[in-house]
């Protein structure tokens, strides 16, 4: 399992029109399987694959409206060793069944 965790965060004030190209870039990155996020301080490359978890939430109060979009996915770790193989045998002459445990 991956031990190192890299994060990226960016906060800015934008109007509704200027956010649209950013959202379209995220859409295109998901479609192409790679998204690079960067600013003056940091950079991260994400490669969405497999099934993506999608969560959207919205809230409103008298002074603030908020929209949160969260997309996440699990990636296969090519560094899995033999400890990730589960073998189950029943009886003395039973066949072994192996399954990779993530």
PDB file of N, CA and C in Angstrom:
ATOM      1  N   UNK A   1       0.839  -1.170   0.000  1.00  0.00           N
ATOM      2  CA  UNK A   1       0.000   0.000   0.000  1.00  0.00           C
ATOM      3  C   UNK A   1       0.891   1.243   0.000  1.00  0.00           C
ATOM      4  N   UNK A   2       0.452   2.271  -0.666  1.00  0.00           N
ATOM      5  CA  UNK A   2       1.225   3.511  -0.714  1.00  0.00           C
ATOM      6  C   UNK A   2       1.305   4.151   0.661  1.00  0.00           C
ATOM      7  N   UNK A   3       2.485   4.572   1.036  1.00  0.00           N
ATOM      8  CA  UNK A   3       2.684   5.227   2.318  1.00  0.00           C
ATOM      9  C   UNK A   3       2.799   6.741   2.164  1.00  0.00           C
ATOM     10  N   UNK A   4       3.367   7.193   1.046  1.00  0.00           N
ATOM     11  CA  UNK A   4       3.543   8.634   0.864  1.00  0.00           C
ATOM     12  C   UNK A   4       2.262   9.248   0.311  1.00  0.00           C
ATOM     13  N   UNK A   5       1.940  10.415   0.822  1.00  0.00           N
ATOM     14  CA  UNK A   5       0.723  11.102   0.406  1.00  0.00           C
ATOM     15  C   UNK A   5       1.098  12.510  -0.005  1.00  0.00           C
ATOM     16  N   UNK A   6       0.732  12.875  -1.211  1.00  0.00           N
ATOM     17  CA  UNK A   6       0.987  14.222  -1.703  1.00  0.00           C
ATOM     18  C   UNK A   6      -0.355  14.903  -1.902  1.00  0.00           C
ATOM     19  N   UNK A   7      -0.438  16.142  -1.500  1.00  0.00           N
ATOM     20  CA  UNK A   7      -1.690  16.876  -1.651  1.00  0.00           C
ATOM     21  C   UNK A   7      -1.442  18.180  -2.398  1.00  0.00           C
ATOM     22  N   UNK A   8      -2.500  18.686  -2.981  1.00  0.00           N
ATOM     23  CA  UNK A   8      -2.468  19.967  -3.678  1.00  0.00           C
ATOM     24  C   UNK A   8      -3.722  20.719  -3.283  1.00  0.00           C
ATOM     25  N   UNK A   9      -3.586  21.992  -3.038  1.00  0.00           N
ATOM     26  CA  UNK A   9      -4.732  22.815  -2.708  1.00  0.00           C
ATOM     27  C   UNK A   9      -4.537  24.202  -3.310  1.00  0.00           C
ATOM     28  N   UNK A  10      -5.593  24.758  -3.828  1.00  0.00           N
ATOM     29  CA  UNK A  10      -5.539  26.092  -4.426  1.00  0.00           C
ATOM     30  C   UNK A  10      -6.825  26.820  -4.072  1.00  0.00           C
ATOM     31  N   UNK A  11      -6.697  28.045  -3.629  1.00  0.00           N
ATOM     32  CA  UNK A  11      -7.856  28.865  -3.291  1.00  0.00           C
ATOM     33  C   UNK A  11      -7.723  30.204  -3.985  1.00  0.00           C
ATOM     34  N   UNK A  12      -8.772  30.615  -4.681  1.00  0.00           N
ATOM     35  CA  UNK A  12      -8.766  31.920  -5.341  1.00  0.00           C
ATOM     36  C   UNK A  12     -10.201  32.401  -5.489  1.00  0.00           C
ATOM     37  N   UNK A  13     -10.358  33.675  -5.741  1.00  0.00           N
ATOM     38  CA  UNK A  13     -11.671  34.236  -6.033  1.00  0.00           C
ATOM     39  C   UNK A  13     -11.842  34.300  -7.545  1.00  0.00           C
ATOM     40  N   UNK A  14     -12.929  33.745  -8.044  1.00  0.00           N
ATOM     41  CA  UNK A  14     -13.212  33.695  -9.476  1.00  0.00           C
ATOM     42  C   UNK A  14     -14.669  34.070  -9.682  1.00  0.00           C
ATOM     43  N   UNK A  15     -14.992  34.583 -10.842  1.00  0.00           N
ATOM     44  CA  UNK A  15     -16.409  34.754 -11.149  1.00  0.00           C
ATOM     45  C   UNK A  15     -16.901  33.477 -11.843  1.00  0.00           C
ATOM     46  N   UNK A  16     -18.214  33.360 -12.003  1.00  0.00           N
ATOM     47  CA  UNK A  16     -18.800  32.140 -12.564  1.00  0.00           C
ATOM     48  C   UNK A  16     -18.265  31.831 -13.959  1.00  0.00           C
ATOM     49  N   UNK A  17     -18.020  32.855 -14.758  1.00  0.00           N
ATOM     50  CA  UNK A  17     -17.533  32.646 -16.121  1.00  0.00           C
ATOM     51  C   UNK A  17     -16.102  32.092 -16.133  1.00  0.00           C
ATOM     52  N   UNK A  18     -15.260  32.561 -15.244  1.00  0.00           N
ATOM     53  CA  UNK A  18     -13.857  32.112 -15.252  1.00  0.00           C
ATOM     54  C   UNK A  18     -13.681  30.713 -14.663  1.00  0.00           C
ATOM     55  N   UNK A  19     -14.665  30.226 -13.912  1.00  0.00           N
ATOM     56  CA  UNK A  19     -14.585  28.871 -13.368  1.00  0.00           C
ATOM     57  C   UNK A  19     -14.915  27.828 -14.435  1.00  0.00           C
ATOM     58  N   UNK A  20     -15.709  28.191 -15.429  1.00  0.00           N
ATOM     59  CA  UNK A  20     -16.145  27.230 -16.446  1.00  0.00           C
ATOM     60  C   UNK A  20     -14.998  26.546 -17.176  1.00  0.00           C
ATOM     61  N   UNK A  21     -13.954  27.264 -17.640  1.00  0.00           N
ATOM     62  CA  UNK A  21     -12.843  26.564 -18.297  1.00  0.00           C
ATOM     63  C   UNK A  21     -12.088  25.614 -17.355  1.00  0.00           C
ATOM     64  N   UNK A  22     -12.051  25.955 -16.078  1.00  0.00           N
ATOM     65  CA  UNK A  22     -11.396  25.066 -15.106  1.00  0.00           C
ATOM     66  C   UNK A  22     -12.173  23.760 -14.992  1.00  0.00           C
ATOM     67  N   UNK A  23     -13.490  23.865 -14.880  1.00  0.00           N
ATOM     68  CA  UNK A  23     -14.322  22.663 -14.801  1.00  0.00           C
ATOM     69  C   UNK A  23     -14.239  21.837 -16.085  1.00  0.00           C
ATOM     70  N   UNK A  24     -14.175  22.501 -17.231  1.00  0.00           N
ATOM     71  CA  UNK A  24     -14.035  21.790 -18.506  1.00  0.00           C
ATOM     72  C   UNK A  24     -12.686  21.078 -18.592  1.00  0.00           C
ATOM     73  N   UNK A  25     -11.635  21.678 -18.043  1.00  0.00           N
ATOM     74  CA  UNK A  25     -10.316  21.033 -18.024  1.00  0.00           C
ATOM     75  C   UNK A  25     -10.338  19.781 -17.152  1.00  0.00           C
ATOM     76  N   UNK A  26     -11.035  19.853 -16.029  1.00  0.00           N
ATOM     77  CA  UNK A  26     -11.166  18.670 -15.174  1.00  0.00           C
ATOM     78  C   UNK A  26     -11.933  17.576 -15.909  1.00  0.00           C
ATOM     79  N   UNK A  27     -13.016  17.962 -16.588  1.00  0.00           N
ATOM     80  CA  UNK A  27     -13.797  17.005 -17.385  1.00  0.00           C
ATOM     81  C   UNK A  27     -12.912  16.337 -18.441  1.00  0.00           C
ATOM     82  N   UNK A  28     -12.124  17.122 -19.146  1.00  0.00           N
ATOM     83  CA  UNK A  28     -11.239  16.589 -20.189  1.00  0.00           C
ATOM     84  C   UNK A  28     -10.163  15.686 -19.582  1.00  0.00           C
ATOM     85  N   UNK A  29      -9.620  16.071 -18.436  1.00  0.00           N
ATOM     86  CA  UNK A  29      -8.609  15.249 -17.768  1.00  0.00           C
ATOM     87  C   UNK A  29      -9.144  13.900 -17.353  1.00  0.00           C
ATOM     88  N   UNK A  30     -10.380  13.869 -16.843  1.00  0.00           N
ATOM     89  CA  UNK A  30     -10.998  12.597 -16.481  1.00  0.00           C
ATOM     90  C   UNK A  30     -11.175  11.740 -17.729  1.00  0.00           C
ATOM     91  N   UNK A  31     -11.636  12.340 -18.813  1.00  0.00           N
ATOM     92  CA  UNK A  31     -11.837  11.601 -20.068  1.00  0.00           C
ATOM     93  C   UNK A  31     -10.519  11.059 -20.618  1.00  0.00           C
ATOM     94  N   UNK A  32      -9.440  11.836 -20.493  1.00  0.00           N
ATOM     95  CA  UNK A  32      -8.138  11.430 -21.028  1.00  0.00           C
ATOM     96  C   UNK A  32      -7.331  10.569 -20.068  1.00  0.00           C
ATOM     97  N   UNK A  33      -7.764  10.488 -18.807  1.00  0.00           N
ATOM     98  CA  UNK A  33      -7.066   9.651 -17.840  1.00  0.00           C
ATOM     99  C   UNK A  33      -5.874  10.307 -17.172  1.00  0.00           C
ATOM    100  N   UNK A  34      -5.763  11.625 -17.264  1.00  0.00           N
ATOM    101  CA  UNK A  34      -4.669  12.309 -16.579  1.00  0.00           C
ATOM    102  C   UNK A  34      -5.016  13.774 -16.359  1.00  0.00           C
ATOM    103  N   UNK A  35      -4.778  14.233 -15.125  1.00  0.00           N
ATOM    104  CA  UNK A  35      -5.005  15.628 -14.769  1.00  0.00           C
ATOM    105  C   UNK A  35      -3.784  16.139 -14.027  1.00  0.00           C
ATOM    106  N   UNK A  36      -3.286  17.302 -14.421  1.00  0.00           N
ATOM    107  CA  UNK A  36      -2.178  17.939 -13.721  1.00  0.00           C
ATOM    108  C   UNK A  36      -2.681  19.224 -13.092  1.00  0.00           C
ATOM    109  N   UNK A  37      -2.524  19.329 -11.791  1.00  0.00           N
ATOM    110  CA  UNK A  37      -2.887  20.531 -11.059  1.00  0.00           C
ATOM    111  C   UNK A  37      -1.598  21.200 -10.609  1.00  0.00           C
ATOM    112  N   UNK A  38      -1.477  22.505 -10.867  1.00  0.00           N
ATOM    113  CA  UNK A  38      -0.258  23.205 -10.459  1.00  0.00           C
ATOM    114  C   UNK A  38      -0.550  24.677 -10.224  1.00  0.00           C
ATOM    115  N   UNK A  39       0.273  25.271  -9.396  1.00  0.00           N
ATOM    116  CA  UNK A  39       0.304  26.713  -9.206  1.00  0.00           C
ATOM    117  C   UNK A  39       1.750  27.084  -8.916  1.00  0.00           C
ATOM    118  N   UNK A  40       1.989  28.278  -8.405  1.00  0.00           N
ATOM    119  CA  UNK A  40       3.361  28.724  -8.169  1.00  0.00           C
ATOM    120  C   UNK A  40       4.079  27.864  -7.135  1.00  0.00           C
ATOM    121  N   UNK A  41       3.311  27.234  -6.244  1.00  0.00           N
ATOM    122  CA  UNK A  41       3.907  26.528  -5.114  1.00  0.00           C
ATOM    123  C   UNK A  41       4.016  25.020  -5.275  1.00  0.00           C
ATOM    124  N   UNK A  42       3.142  24.400  -6.037  1.00  0.00           N
ATOM    125  CA  UNK A  42       3.095  22.943  -6.028  1.00  0.00           C
ATOM    126  C   UNK A  42       2.534  22.393  -7.332  1.00  0.00           C
ATOM    127  N   UNK A  43       2.657  21.070  -7.480  1.00  0.00           N
ATOM    128  CA  UNK A  43       2.152  20.379  -8.671  1.00  0.00           C
ATOM    129  C   UNK A  43       1.824  18.944  -8.284  1.00  0.00           C
ATOM    130  N   UNK A  44       0.724  18.436  -8.841  1.00  0.00           N
ATOM    131  CA  UNK A  44       0.359  17.042  -8.633  1.00  0.00           C
ATOM    132  C   UNK A  44      -0.275  16.518  -9.922  1.00  0.00           C
ATOM    133  N   UNK A  45       0.011  15.271 -10.259  1.00  0.00           N
ATOM    134  CA  UNK A  45      -0.562  14.613 -11.436  1.00  0.00           C
ATOM    135  C   UNK A  45      -1.424  13.461 -10.936  1.00  0.00           C
ATOM    136  N   UNK A  46      -2.687  13.462 -11.326  1.00  0.00           N
ATOM    137  CA  UNK A  46      -3.615  12.394 -10.965  1.00  0.00           C
ATOM    138  C   UNK A  46      -4.041  11.653 -12.220  1.00  0.00           C
ATOM    139  N   UNK A  47      -4.186  10.336 -12.082  1.00  0.00           N
ATOM    140  CA  UNK A  47      -4.572   9.497 -13.216  1.00  0.00           C
ATOM    141  C   UNK A  47      -5.803   8.679 -12.840  1.00  0.00           C
ATOM    142  N   UNK A  48      -6.986   9.235 -13.122  1.00  0.00           N
ATOM    143  CA  UNK A  48      -8.206   8.498 -12.776  1.00  0.00           C
ATOM    144  C   UNK A  48      -8.327   7.206 -13.576  1.00  0.00           C
ATOM    145  N   UNK A  49      -8.683   6.142 -12.863  1.00  0.00           N
ATOM    146  CA  UNK A  49      -8.830   4.842 -13.520  1.00  0.00           C
ATOM    147  C   UNK A  49      -9.893   4.030 -12.797  1.00  0.00           C
ATOM    148  N   UNK A  50     -10.457   3.081 -13.487  1.00  0.00           N
ATOM    149  CA  UNK A  50     -11.457   2.204 -12.881  1.00  0.00           C
ATOM    150  C   UNK A  50     -12.722   2.952 -12.514  1.00  0.00           C
ATOM    151  N   UNK A  51     -13.352   2.485 -11.456  1.00  0.00           N
ATOM    152  CA  UNK A  51     -14.593   3.111 -10.995  1.00  0.00           C
ATOM    153  C   UNK A  51     -14.270   4.337 -10.156  1.00  0.00           C
ATOM    154  N   UNK A  52     -14.966   5.417 -10.430  1.00  0.00           N
ATOM    155  CA  UNK A  52     -14.767   6.669  -9.704  1.00  0.00           C
ATOM    156  C   UNK A  52     -15.940   6.880  -8.754  1.00  0.00           C
ATOM    157  N   UNK A  53     -15.622   7.256  -7.520  1.00  0.00           N
ATOM    158  CA  UNK A  53     -16.670   7.648  -6.577  1.00  0.00           C
ATOM    159  C   UNK A  53     -16.973   9.118  -6.817  1.00  0.00           C
ATOM    160  N   UNK A  54     -18.247   9.457  -6.949  1.00  0.00           N
ATOM    161  CA  UNK A  54     -18.659  10.831  -7.225  1.00  0.00           C
ATOM    162  C   UNK A  54     -19.618  11.269  -6.134  1.00  0.00           C
ATOM    163  N   UNK A  55     -19.303  12.385  -5.497  1.00  0.00           N
ATOM    164  CA  UNK A  55     -20.170  12.927  -4.457  1.00  0.00           C
ATOM    165  C   UNK A  55     -20.377  14.410  -4.729  1.00  0.00           C
ATOM    166  N   UNK A  56     -21.623  14.822  -4.695  1.00  0.00           N
ATOM    167  CA  UNK A  56     -21.941  16.243  -4.832  1.00  0.00           C
ATOM    168  C   UNK A  56     -22.829  16.630  -3.648  1.00  0.00           C
ATOM    169  N   UNK A  57     -22.532  17.764  -3.062  1.00  0.00           N
ATOM    170  CA  UNK A  57     -23.363  18.277  -1.978  1.00  0.00           C
ATOM    171  C   UNK A  57     -23.513  19.781  -2.155  1.00  0.00           C
ATOM    172  N   UNK A  58     -24.651  20.288  -1.733  1.00  0.00           N
ATOM    173  CA  UNK A  58     -24.933  21.718  -1.850  1.00  0.00           C
ATOM    174  C   UNK A  58     -25.612  22.181  -0.575  1.00  0.00           C
ATOM    175  N   UNK A  59     -25.332  23.428  -0.223  1.00  0.00           N
ATOM    176  CA  UNK A  59     -25.967  24.007   0.955  1.00  0.00           C
ATOM    177  C   UNK A  59     -26.197  25.497   0.723  1.00  0.00           C
ATOM    178  N   UNK A  60     -27.138  26.037   1.467  1.00  0.00           N
ATOM    179  CA  UNK A  60     -27.392  27.470   1.375  1.00  0.00           C
ATOM    180  C   UNK A  60     -27.764  28.010   2.745  1.00  0.00           C
ATOM    181  N   UNK A  61     -27.326  29.206   2.981  1.00  0.00           N
ATOM    182  CA  UNK A  61     -27.749  29.959   4.167  1.00  0.00           C
ATOM    183  C   UNK A  61     -28.116  31.356   3.678  1.00  0.00           C
ATOM    184  N   UNK A  62     -28.435  32.235   4.575  1.00  0.00           N
ATOM    185  CA  UNK A  62     -28.804  33.589   4.167  1.00  0.00           C
ATOM    186  C   UNK A  62     -27.638  34.339   3.530  1.00  0.00           C
ATOM    187  N   UNK A  63     -26.419  34.004   3.933  1.00  0.00           N
ATOM    188  CA  UNK A  63     -25.258  34.767   3.461  1.00  0.00           C
ATOM    189  C   UNK A  63     -24.299  33.973   2.594  1.00  0.00           C
ATOM    190  N   UNK A  64     -24.519  32.671   2.440  1.00  0.00           N
ATOM    191  CA  UNK A  64     -23.548  31.863   1.694  1.00  0.00           C
ATOM    192  C   UNK A  64     -24.224  30.660   1.048  1.00  0.00           C
ATOM    193  N   UNK A  65     -23.897  30.423  -0.206  1.00  0.00           N
ATOM    194  CA  UNK A  65     -24.282  29.199  -0.915  1.00  0.00           C
ATOM    195  C   UNK A  65     -22.997  28.434  -1.193  1.00  0.00           C
ATOM    196  N   UNK A  66     -23.065  27.107  -1.114  1.00  0.00           N
ATOM    197  CA  UNK A  66     -21.853  26.314  -1.290  1.00  0.00           C
ATOM    198  C   UNK A  66     -22.151  25.063  -2.097  1.00  0.00           C
ATOM    199  N   UNK A  67     -21.247  24.729  -3.009  1.00  0.00           N
ATOM    200  CA  UNK A  67     -21.307  23.517  -3.817  1.00  0.00           C
ATOM    201  C   UNK A  67     -19.984  22.791  -3.644  1.00  0.00           C
ATOM    202  N   UNK A  68     -20.035  21.522  -3.258  1.00  0.00           N
ATOM    203  CA  UNK A  68     -18.841  20.694  -3.126  1.00  0.00           C
ATOM    204  C   UNK A  68     -18.956  19.516  -4.073  1.00  0.00           C
ATOM    205  N   UNK A  69     -17.893  19.272  -4.812  1.00  0.00           N
ATOM    206  CA  UNK A  69     -17.827  18.122  -5.712  1.00  0.00           C
ATOM    207  C   UNK A  69     -16.595  17.328  -5.319  1.00  0.00           C
ATOM    208  N   UNK A  70     -16.780  16.042  -5.084  1.00  0.00           N
ATOM    209  CA  UNK A  70     -15.664  15.183  -4.706  1.00  0.00           C
ATOM    210  C   UNK A  70     -15.641  13.969  -5.622  1.00  0.00           C
ATOM    211  N   UNK A  71     -14.485  13.708  -6.220  1.00  0.00           N
ATOM    212  CA  UNK A  71     -14.289  12.549  -7.082  1.00  0.00           C
ATOM    213  C   UNK A  71     -13.068  11.816  -6.546  1.00  0.00           C
ATOM    214  N   UNK A  72     -13.210  10.524  -6.294  1.00  0.00           N
ATOM    215  CA  UNK A  72     -12.078   9.755  -5.791  1.00  0.00           C
ATOM    216  C   UNK A  72     -12.076   8.369  -6.416  1.00  0.00           C
ATOM    217  N   UNK A  73     -10.933   7.710  -6.366  1.00  0.00           N
ATOM    218  CA  UNK A  73     -10.796   6.367  -6.909  1.00  0.00           C
ATOM    219  C   UNK A  73      -9.628   5.695  -6.228  1.00  0.00           C
ATOM    220  N   UNK A  74      -9.624   4.380  -6.272  1.00  0.00           N
ATOM    221  CA  UNK A  74      -8.512   3.591  -5.762  1.00  0.00           C
ATOM    222  C   UNK A  74      -7.635   3.189  -6.924  1.00  0.00           C
ATOM    223  N   UNK A  75      -6.354   3.105  -6.661  1.00  0.00           N
ATOM    224  CA  UNK A  75      -5.428   2.666  -7.695  1.00  0.00           C
ATOM    225  C   UNK A  75      -4.770   1.373  -7.256  1.00  0.00           C
ATOM    226  N   UNK A  76      -4.437   0.539  -8.224  1.00  0.00           N
ATOM    227  CA  UNK A  76      -3.702  -0.682  -7.933  1.00  0.00           C
ATOM    228  C   UNK A  76      -2.264  -0.323  -7.643  1.00  0.00           C
ATOM    229  N   UNK A  77      -1.718  -0.920  -6.613  1.00  0.00           N
ATOM    230  CA  UNK A  77      -0.329  -0.665  -6.249  1.00  0.00           C
ATOM    231  C   UNK A  77       0.535  -1.777  -6.831  1.00  0.00           C
ATOM    232  N   UNK A  78       1.408  -1.452  -7.794  1.00  0.00           N
ATOM    233  CA  UNK A  78       2.234  -2.493  -8.406  1.00  0.00           C
ATOM    234  C   UNK A  78       3.257  -3.078  -7.442  1.00  0.00           C
ATOM    235  N   UNK A  79       3.409  -2.512  -6.256  1.00  0.00           N
ATOM    236  CA  UNK A  79       4.399  -2.982  -5.298  1.00  0.00           C
ATOM    237  C   UNK A  79       3.833  -4.023  -4.337  1.00  0.00           C
ATOM    238  N   UNK A  80       2.623  -4.538  -4.586  1.00  0.00           N
ATOM    239  CA  UNK A  80       2.062  -5.558  -3.712  1.00  0.00           C
ATOM    240  C   UNK A  80       2.958  -6.788  -3.748  1.00  0.00           C
ATOM    241  N   UNK A  81       3.238  -7.343  -2.582  1.00  0.00           N
ATOM    242  CA  UNK A  81       4.085  -8.526  -2.533  1.00  0.00           C
ATOM    243  C   UNK A  81       3.235  -9.770  -2.310  1.00  0.00           C
ATOM    244  N   UNK A  82       3.883 -10.918  -2.105  1.00  0.00           N
ATOM    245  CA  UNK A  82       3.178 -12.184  -1.953  1.00  0.00           C
ATOM    246  C   UNK A  82       2.281 -12.218  -0.727  1.00  0.00           C
ATOM    247  N   UNK A  83       2.481 -11.340   0.237  1.00  0.00           N
ATOM    248  CA  UNK A  83       1.640 -11.303   1.418  1.00  0.00           C
ATOM    249  C   UNK A  83       0.208 -10.916   1.064  1.00  0.00           C
ATOM    250  N   UNK A  84      -0.019 -10.376  -0.118  1.00  0.00           N
ATOM    251  CA  UNK A  84      -1.356  -9.968  -0.518  1.00  0.00           C
ATOM    252  C   UNK A  84      -2.142 -11.114  -1.155  1.00  0.00           C
ATOM    253  N   UNK A  85      -1.541 -12.288  -1.258  1.00  0.00           N
ATOM    254  CA  UNK A  85      -2.218 -13.446  -1.836  1.00  0.00           C
ATOM    255  C   UNK A  85      -2.852 -14.258  -0.717  1.00  0.00           C
ATOM    256  N   UNK A  86      -4.133 -14.513  -0.832  1.00  0.00           N
ATOM    257  CA  UNK A  86      -4.851 -15.316   0.144  1.00  0.00           C
ATOM    258  C   UNK A  86      -5.038 -16.702  -0.435  1.00  0.00           C
ATOM    259  N   UNK A  87      -4.598 -17.725   0.294  1.00  0.00           N
ATOM    260  CA  UNK A  87      -4.802 -19.105  -0.122  1.00  0.00           C
ATOM    261  C   UNK A  87      -5.707 -19.795   0.883  1.00  0.00           C
ATOM    262  N   UNK A  88      -6.701 -20.512   0.369  1.00  0.00           N
ATOM    263  CA  UNK A  88      -7.621 -21.251   1.225  1.00  0.00           C
ATOM    264  C   UNK A  88      -7.665 -22.681   0.729  1.00  0.00           C
ATOM    265  N   UNK A  89      -7.423 -23.626   1.629  1.00  0.00           N
ATOM    266  CA  UNK A  89      -7.471 -25.042   1.271  1.00  0.00           C
ATOM    267  C   UNK A  89      -8.357 -25.756   2.276  1.00  0.00           C
ATOM    268  N   UNK A  90      -9.162 -26.690   1.779  1.00  0.00           N
ATOM    269  CA  UNK A  90      -9.986 -27.507   2.667  1.00  0.00           C
ATOM    270  C   UNK A  90      -9.691 -28.959   2.376  1.00  0.00           C
ATOM    271  N   UNK A  91      -9.515 -29.752   3.388  1.00  0.00           N
ATOM    272  CA  UNK A  91      -9.211 -31.166   3.220  1.00  0.00           C
ATOM    273  C   UNK A  91      -7.776 -31.374   2.756  1.00  0.00           C
ATOM    274  N   UNK A  92      -7.294 -32.598   2.821  1.00  0.00           N
ATOM    275  CA  UNK A  92      -5.899 -32.878   2.492  1.00  0.00           C
ATOM    276  C   UNK A  92      -5.614 -32.846   0.996  1.00  0.00           C
ATOM    277  N   UNK A  93      -6.592 -33.156   0.151  1.00  0.00           N
ATOM    278  CA  UNK A  93      -6.348 -33.160  -1.290  1.00  0.00           C
ATOM    279  C   UNK A  93      -7.101 -32.047  -2.023  1.00  0.00           C
ATOM    280  N   UNK A  94      -7.552 -31.070  -1.286  1.00  0.00           N
ATOM    281  CA  UNK A  94      -8.328 -29.982  -1.908  1.00  0.00           C
ATOM    282  C   UNK A  94      -7.416 -29.079  -2.727  1.00  0.00           C
ATOM    283  N   UNK A  95      -7.975 -28.487  -3.772  1.00  0.00           N
ATOM    284  CA  UNK A  95      -7.245 -27.529  -4.592  1.00  0.00           C
ATOM    285  C   UNK A  95      -7.137 -26.217  -3.843  1.00  0.00           C
ATOM    286  N   UNK A  96      -6.026 -25.516  -4.033  1.00  0.00           N
ATOM    287  CA  UNK A  96      -5.861 -24.210  -3.428  1.00  0.00           C
ATOM    288  C   UNK A  96      -6.495 -23.147  -4.320  1.00  0.00           C
ATOM    289  N   UNK A  97      -7.134 -22.191  -3.689  1.00  0.00           N
ATOM    290  CA  UNK A  97      -7.708 -21.052  -4.404  1.00  0.00           C
ATOM    291  C   UNK A  97      -6.951 -19.822  -3.958  1.00  0.00           C
ATOM    292  N   UNK A  98      -6.496 -19.037  -4.890  1.00  0.00           N
ATOM    293  CA  UNK A  98      -5.758 -17.804  -4.557  1.00  0.00           C
ATOM    294  C   UNK A  98      -6.509 -16.615  -5.075  1.00  0.00           C
ATOM    295  N   UNK A  99      -6.499 -15.580  -4.270  1.00  0.00           N
ATOM    296  CA  UNK A  99      -7.138 -14.333  -4.660  1.00  0.00           C
ATOM    297  C   UNK A  99      -6.320 -13.188  -4.127  1.00  0.00           C
ATOM    298  N   UNK A 100      -6.092 -12.196  -4.969  1.00  0.00           N
ATOM    299  CA  UNK A 100      -5.349 -11.008  -4.557  1.00  0.00           C
ATOM    300  C   UNK A 100      -6.227 -10.142  -3.665  1.00  0.00           C
ATOM    301  N   UNK A 101      -5.712  -9.762  -2.526  1.00  0.00           N
ATOM    302  CA  UNK A 101      -6.415  -8.910  -1.586  1.00  0.00           C
ATOM    303  C   UNK A 101      -5.803  -7.526  -1.673  1.00  0.00           C
ATOM    304  N   UNK A 102      -6.624  -6.537  -1.956  1.00  0.00           N
ATOM    305  CA  UNK A 102      -6.119  -5.165  -2.057  1.00  0.00           C
ATOM    306  C   UNK A 102      -6.332  -4.445  -0.760  1.00  0.00           C
TER     307      UNK A 102
END
